[in-house]
Protein backbone atom coordinates (compact mmCIF):
# COMPACT_ATOMS: atom_id res chain seq x y z
CA MET A 1 37.41 -9.90 10.21
CA GLY A 2 35.53 -9.79 6.90
CA CYS A 3 34.70 -6.66 5.12
CA VAL A 4 31.05 -5.59 4.48
CA GLN A 5 30.17 -4.81 0.79
CA GLU A 6 27.18 -2.58 0.01
CA ARG A 7 25.13 -3.59 -2.74
CA GLU A 8 24.71 -0.70 -5.37
CA VAL A 9 21.10 -0.26 -6.20
CA PHE A 10 20.27 1.07 -9.85
CA MET A 11 17.19 3.06 -9.87
CA MET A 12 15.39 4.70 -12.88
CA PRO A 13 12.28 6.53 -13.35
CA LEU A 14 8.86 4.65 -13.74
CA THR A 15 8.72 5.99 -17.21
CA PHE A 16 11.65 3.90 -18.34
CA ALA A 17 10.13 0.66 -17.20
CA ASP A 18 8.38 -1.80 -19.68
CA SER A 19 4.82 -2.60 -19.38
CA GLY A 20 3.75 -5.83 -17.66
CA GLN A 21 6.78 -6.41 -15.28
CA LEU A 22 6.13 -6.39 -11.44
CA LEU A 23 8.18 -3.49 -10.00
CA THR A 24 9.12 -2.37 -6.64
CA ILE A 25 9.15 1.49 -5.63
CA GLN A 26 12.59 2.44 -4.35
CA LYS A 27 12.19 6.18 -3.86
CA ILE A 28 9.75 9.07 -4.37
CA THR A 29 11.15 12.45 -5.18
CA GLY A 30 9.56 15.79 -5.20
CA ASN A 31 8.35 18.34 -2.60
CA ASP A 32 6.43 17.21 0.30
CA GLU A 33 3.05 18.01 -1.34
CA THR A 34 3.65 15.72 -4.24
CA LYS A 35 5.01 12.99 -2.04
CA GLN A 36 1.82 13.12 0.01
CA HIS A 37 -0.23 13.05 -3.03
CA LEU A 38 1.43 9.97 -4.55
CA ALA A 39 1.34 8.43 -1.11
CA THR A 40 -2.52 8.98 -0.90
CA LEU A 41 -2.71 7.14 -4.02
CA GLY A 42 -0.75 4.25 -2.90
CA PHE A 43 2.62 5.03 -4.34
CA VAL A 44 4.92 4.34 -1.25
CA THR A 45 8.52 3.01 -1.05
CA GLY A 46 8.59 -0.84 -0.94
CA GLU A 47 5.00 -1.13 -2.78
CA GLU A 48 4.80 -3.52 -5.68
CA ILE A 49 3.36 -2.01 -8.92
CA SER A 50 3.11 -2.85 -12.59
CA ILE A 51 2.64 -0.71 -15.61
CA ILE A 52 -0.50 -1.61 -17.45
CA ASN A 53 -0.12 0.68 -20.35
CA LYS A 54 2.15 3.54 -21.72
CA ASN A 55 0.89 6.32 -24.17
CA GLY A 56 3.21 9.27 -24.83
CA GLY A 57 5.11 8.95 -21.43
CA ASN A 58 1.49 8.97 -19.54
CA LEU A 59 1.00 5.63 -17.71
CA ILE A 60 -1.91 3.41 -16.39
CA VAL A 61 -0.36 1.69 -13.40
CA ASN A 62 -1.79 -1.15 -11.21
CA VAL A 63 -0.96 -0.33 -7.57
CA LYS A 64 -2.73 -1.96 -4.45
CA ASP A 65 -5.37 -3.36 -6.72
CA SER A 66 -6.47 -0.31 -8.30
CA ARG A 67 -5.61 1.23 -11.77
CA ILE A 68 -4.19 4.77 -11.45
CA ALA A 69 -3.38 7.13 -14.42
CA LEU A 70 -0.30 9.13 -14.10
CA ASP A 71 0.98 11.99 -16.33
CA LYS A 72 4.70 11.82 -17.48
CA THR A 73 5.50 14.32 -14.70
CA LEU A 74 4.24 12.59 -11.98
CA ALA A 75 5.61 9.22 -13.19
CA ASN A 76 9.10 10.72 -13.21
CA ARG A 77 8.79 11.18 -9.56
CA ILE A 78 8.65 7.57 -8.79
CA TYR A 79 11.76 5.63 -8.98
CA ILE A 80 12.10 1.81 -9.22
């Protein structure tokens, strides 16, 4: 019998990513209200996003063909 080896996934907050890369959301953290707010904006696990611009930790992100501005606090809730 072969052994099954799980692949370890490295995640980091969205604020650590560079602009211009295509990224996939791995996890959303926070309370239920925060998670629902982000989901309403299109930030859900498995969704592909890209950072258009970074300014002092605040981000402009492309998600589902829309540009969304996120402050640093919300962006840190999104793990890629």
